[in-house]
C-alpha atoms as a PDB file:
ATOM      1  CA  MET A   1       0.000   0.000   0.000  1.00  0.00           C
ATOM      2  CA  VAL A   2       2.815   2.413   0.857  1.00  0.00           C
ATOM      3  CA  LYS A   3       4.657   1.562  -2.387  1.00  0.00           C
ATOM      4  CA  ARG A   4       1.572   2.310  -4.459  1.00  0.00           C
ATOM      5  CA  LYS A   5       1.021   5.691  -2.786  1.00  0.00           C
ATOM      6  CA  LEU A   6       4.676   6.553  -3.388  1.00  0.00           C
ATOM      7  CA  VAL A   7       4.398   5.586  -7.065  1.00  0.00           C
ATOM      8  CA  GLN A   8       1.160   7.606  -7.389  1.00  0.00           C
ATOM      9  CA  ILE A   9       2.809  10.680  -5.856  1.00  0.00           C
ATOM     10  CA  CYS A  10       5.867  10.305  -8.105  1.00  0.00           C
ATOM     11  CA  THR A  11       3.762   9.980 -11.261  1.00  0.00           C
ATOM     12  CA  ALA A  12       1.617  12.956 -10.222  1.00  0.00           C
ATOM     13  CA  LEU A  13       4.789  15.023  -9.775  1.00  0.00           C
ATOM     14  CA  LEU A  14       6.175  13.713 -13.068  1.00  0.00           C
ATOM     15  CA  TYR A  15       2.986  14.452 -15.028  1.00  0.00           C
ATOM     16  CA  ASN A  16       2.719  17.921 -13.456  1.00  0.00           C
ATOM     17  CA  GLY A  17       6.396  18.878 -13.486  1.00  0.00           C
ATOM     18  CA  ASN A  18       5.902  22.472 -14.629  1.00  0.00           C
ATOM     19  CA  PHE A  19       5.991  23.875 -11.113  1.00  0.00           C
ATOM     20  CA  ALA A  20       6.422  27.456 -12.372  1.00  0.00           C
ATOM     21  CA  GLY A  21       3.025  27.158 -14.051  1.00  0.00           C
ATOM     22  CA  PHE A  22       1.341  26.854 -10.675  1.00  0.00           C
ATOM     23  CA  THR A  23       2.765  30.202  -9.561  1.00  0.00           C
ATOM     24  CA  ASP A  24       2.311  32.242 -12.743  1.00  0.00           C
ATOM     25  CA  GLY A  25      -0.857  30.469 -13.986  1.00  0.00           C
ATOM     26  CA  ASN A  26       0.457  29.867 -17.519  1.00  0.00           C
ATOM     27  CA  ILE A  27      -0.232  26.562 -19.255  1.00  0.00           C
ATOM     28  CA  TRP A  28       2.829  24.665 -20.478  1.00  0.00           C
ATOM     29  CA  LYS A  29       3.012  24.877 -24.283  1.00  0.00           C
ATOM     30  CA  GLY A  30       6.130  22.805 -24.874  1.00  0.00           C
ATOM     31  CA  SER A  31       6.469  19.989 -27.371  1.00  0.00           C
ATOM     32  CA  SER A  32       5.723  17.412 -24.675  1.00  0.00           C
ATOM     33  CA  LYS A  33       2.043  18.501 -24.813  1.00  0.00           C
ATOM     34  CA  ASN A  34       1.824  16.495 -28.051  1.00  0.00           C
ATOM     35  CA  ILE A  35       2.524  13.276 -26.136  1.00  0.00           C
ATOM     36  CA  CYS A  36      -0.281  11.384 -24.424  1.00  0.00           C
ATOM     37  CA  LEU A  37       0.373  10.430 -20.831  1.00  0.00           C
ATOM     38  CA  PRO A  38      -0.764   6.986 -19.691  1.00  0.00           C
ATOM     39  CA  GLY A  39      -2.964   8.307 -16.865  1.00  0.00           C
ATOM     40  CA  LEU A  40      -5.681  10.892 -16.780  1.00  0.00           C
ATOM     41  CA  ASN A  41      -4.237  14.362 -16.383  1.00  0.00           C
ATOM     42  CA  CYS A  42      -5.968  17.631 -17.151  1.00  0.00           C
ATOM     43  CA  TYR A  43      -4.512  19.228 -20.283  1.00  0.00           C
ATOM     44  CA  SER A  44      -5.235  22.754 -19.067  1.00  0.00           C
ATOM     45  CA  CYS A  45      -3.597  22.269 -15.680  1.00  0.00           C
ATOM     46  CA  PRO A  46      -0.757  24.837 -15.440  1.00  0.00           C
ATOM     47  CA  GLY A  47       1.655  22.120 -14.340  1.00  0.00           C
ATOM     48  CA  ALA A  48       0.739  19.452 -16.909  1.00  0.00           C
ATOM     49  CA  LEU A  49       3.651  18.486 -19.126  1.00  0.00           C
ATOM     50  CA  GLY A  50       1.722  16.108 -21.377  1.00  0.00           C
ATOM     51  CA  ALA A  51      -1.690  15.493 -22.827  1.00  0.00           C
ATOM     52  CA  CYS A  52      -4.506  13.505 -21.272  1.00  0.00           C
ATOM     53  CA  PRO A  53      -5.517  10.592 -23.540  1.00  0.00           C
ATOM     54  CA  LEU A  54      -9.241  11.217 -23.103  1.00  0.00           C
ATOM     55  CA  GLY A  55      -8.835  14.963 -23.620  1.00  0.00           C
ATOM     56  CA  SER A  56      -6.774  14.299 -26.757  1.00  0.00           C
ATOM     57  CA  LEU A  57      -9.421  11.906 -28.040  1.00  0.00           C
ATOM     58  CA  GLN A  58     -12.168  14.439 -27.384  1.00  0.00           C
ATOM     59  CA  SER A  59     -10.185  17.236 -29.026  1.00  0.00           C
ATOM     60  CA  SER A  60      -9.425  15.244 -32.171  1.00  0.00           C
ATOM     61  CA  LEU A  61     -13.006  13.990 -32.526  1.00  0.00           C
ATOM     62  CA  SER A  62     -14.495  17.465 -32.124  1.00  0.00           C
ATOM     63  CA  GLY A  63     -12.693  18.886 -35.151  1.00  0.00           C
ATOM     64  CA  VAL A  64     -14.379  20.358 -38.194  1.00  0.00           C
ATOM     65  CA  PHE A  65     -13.281  17.535 -40.467  1.00  0.00           C
ATOM     66  CA  LEU A  66     -14.170  13.931 -39.676  1.00  0.00           C
ATOM     67  CA  ARG A  67     -10.922  12.141 -38.996  1.00  0.00           C
ATOM     68  CA  ILE A  68     -10.075   9.086 -36.952  1.00  0.00           C
ATOM     69  CA  PRO A  69      -7.438   9.803 -34.274  1.00  0.00           C
ATOM     70  CA  PHE A  70      -5.341   6.678 -34.806  1.00  0.00           C
ATOM     71  CA  TYR A  71      -2.481   7.929 -32.606  1.00  0.00           C
ATOM     72  CA  VAL A  72      -4.690   8.529 -29.584  1.00  0.00           C
ATOM     73  CA  LEU A  73      -6.798   5.388 -30.044  1.00  0.00           C
ATOM     74  CA  GLY A  74      -3.685   3.284 -30.582  1.00  0.00           C
ATOM     75  CA  PHE A  75      -2.043   4.749 -27.499  1.00  0.00           C
ATOM     76  CA  ILE A  76      -5.085   4.073 -25.320  1.00  0.00           C
ATOM     77  CA  LEU A  77      -5.505   0.515 -26.656  1.00  0.00           C
ATOM     78  CA  LEU A  78      -1.792  -0.304 -26.360  1.00  0.00           C
ATOM     79  CA  PHE A  79      -1.571   0.793 -22.738  1.00  0.00           C
ATOM     80  CA  ALA A  80      -4.903  -0.857 -21.919  1.00  0.00           C
ATOM     81  CA  LEU A  81      -3.781  -4.174 -23.393  1.00  0.00           C
ATOM     82  CA  ILE A  82      -0.321  -4.150 -21.829  1.00  0.00           C
ATOM     83  CA  PHE A  83      -0.991  -2.627 -18.421  1.00  0.00           C
ATOM     84  CA  ALA A  84      -4.764  -3.108 -17.953  1.00  0.00           C
ATOM     85  CA  ARG A  85      -5.840  -1.558 -14.632  1.00  0.00           C
ATOM     86  CA  LEU A  86      -2.281  -0.953 -13.476  1.00  0.00           C
ATOM     87  CA  ILE A  87      -2.367   2.577 -14.922  1.00  0.00           C
ATOM     88  CA  CYS A  88      -5.521   3.481 -13.000  1.00  0.00           C
ATOM     89  CA  GLY A  89      -4.372   1.950  -9.744  1.00  0.00           C
ATOM     90  CA  TRP A  90      -0.753   3.036  -9.718  1.00  0.00           C
ATOM     91  CA  GLY A  91      -0.132   5.812 -12.238  1.00  0.00           C
ATOM     92  CA  CYS A  92      -3.194   7.990 -12.473  1.00  0.00           C
ATOM     93  CA  PRO A  93      -3.083  11.273 -10.518  1.00  0.00           C
ATOM     94  CA  PHE A  94      -6.900  11.325 -10.381  1.00  0.00           C
ATOM     95  CA  GLY A  95      -6.859   7.995  -8.551  1.00  0.00           C
ATOM     96  CA  LEU A  96      -4.533   9.476  -5.928  1.00  0.00           C
ATOM     97  CA  VAL A  97      -6.779  12.514  -5.453  1.00  0.00           C
ATOM     98  CA  GLN A  98      -9.852  10.297  -5.277  1.00  0.00           C
ATOM     99  CA  GLU A  99      -8.292   8.088  -2.589  1.00  0.00           C
ATOM    100  CA  LEU A 100      -7.175  11.109  -0.562  1.00  0.00           C
ATOM    101  CA  LEU A 101     -10.662  12.620  -0.734  1.00  0.00           C
ATOM    102  CA  TYR A 102     -12.189   9.323   0.401  1.00  0.00           C
ATOM    103  CA  LYS A 103     -10.051   9.429   3.554  1.00  0.00           C
ATOM    104  CA  ILE A 104     -11.817  12.620   4.693  1.00  0.00           C
ATOM    105  CA  PRO A 105     -14.030  11.531   7.581  1.00  0.00           C
ATOM    106  CA  THR A 106     -17.512  12.131   6.191  1.00  0.00           C
ATOM    107  CA  PRO A 107     -20.564   9.861   6.080  1.00  0.00           C
ATOM    108  CA  LYS A 108     -20.305   7.446   3.154  1.00  0.00           C
ATOM    109  CA  LEU A 109     -23.200   5.913   1.268  1.00  0.00           C
ATOM    110  CA  GLN A 110     -23.997   2.391   2.372  1.00  0.00           C
ATOM    111  CA  ARG A 111     -24.848  -0.107  -0.332  1.00  0.00           C
ATOM    112  CA  ASN A 112     -28.571  -0.795  -0.303  1.00  0.00           C
ATOM    113  CA  ARG A 113     -31.302  -1.604  -2.811  1.00  0.00           C
ATOM    114  CA  PHE A 114     -31.524   1.995  -4.043  1.00  0.00           C
ATOM    115  CA  THR A 115     -27.786   2.353  -4.673  1.00  0.00           C
ATOM    116  CA  TYR A 116     -27.754  -1.091  -6.298  1.00  0.00           C
ATOM    117  CA  LEU A 117     -30.457  -0.010  -8.748  1.00  0.00           C
ATOM    118  CA  LEU A 118     -28.774   3.348  -9.199  1.00  0.00           C
ATOM    119  CA  SER A 119     -25.579   1.610 -10.298  1.00  0.00           C
ATOM    120  CA  TYR A 120     -27.380   0.534 -13.477  1.00  0.00           C
ATOM    121  CA  LEU A 121     -27.851   4.204 -14.365  1.00  0.00           C
ATOM    122  CA  LYS A 122     -24.291   4.317 -15.713  1.00  0.00           C
ATOM    123  CA  TYR A 123     -25.232   1.896 -18.496  1.00  0.00           C
ATOM    124  CA  PHE A 124     -28.237   4.009 -19.433  1.00  0.00           C
ATOM    125  CA  ILE A 125     -26.110   7.163 -19.529  1.00  0.00           C
ATOM    126  CA  ALA A 126     -23.447   5.371 -21.596  1.00  0.00           C
ATOM    127  CA  LEU A 127     -26.125   4.218 -24.034  1.00  0.00           C
ATOM    128  CA  ILE A 128     -27.363   7.775 -24.468  1.00  0.00           C
ATOM    129  CA  PHE A 129     -23.951   9.402 -24.897  1.00  0.00           C
ATOM    130  CA  LEU A 130     -22.286   6.688 -26.938  1.00  0.00           C
ATOM    131  CA  LEU A 131     -25.096   5.573 -29.228  1.00  0.00           C
ATOM    132  CA  LEU A 132     -28.160   7.766 -29.285  1.00  0.00           C
ATOM    133  CA  LEU A 133     -26.616  11.237 -29.039  1.00  0.00           C
ATOM    134  CA  PRO A 134     -24.167  10.736 -31.945  1.00  0.00           C
ATOM    135  CA  LEU A 135     -26.962   9.278 -34.088  1.00  0.00           C
ATOM    136  CA  ALA A 136     -29.119  12.340 -33.395  1.00  0.00           C
ATOM    137  CA  PHE A 137     -26.416  14.672 -34.750  1.00  0.00           C
ATOM    138  CA  TYR A 138     -25.279  12.493 -37.653  1.00  0.00           C
END
C-alpha cells in the first residue's frame, strides 16, 4: 500500500512537473504537450507536461473535419492491453486525489437496494452518450 502511494505521488509530480506554471498560472506549451500520458491528467492544468488521452481523443473527434485519431486510439488501446488496470491503480493522478478525498471523515453511502439499482444508471447514460446522441447529430 505504501509503495503504491509513493508511485502515485511520483507519477503525479512527473505528469505535473511544470511547477512554475502553478505560480504564474500559464499553461505549459512545450512539445511534450503532443505526447499522451498513460494516466488521466488535465490538459489545461498549469503544471501538466503532457496530454490527457481522453482529452486528446475528445479534441481530435471534435474537429471540423471527420478524422479518426489513430495515434490517440492506438495509445489508449496499447496501454490498456499491456498494463490493464495498473495505470488506474498506480499511475493515475486522479486515482490518488480520489483516494485522498475518500479518507476525509464524512458519512459514506452504504450499499442498499436503491444504490444497487442506481448503479445501473451508468449503463443508461453510456447508451445515451455513446449511441443515441451521436446518431441524433449524424
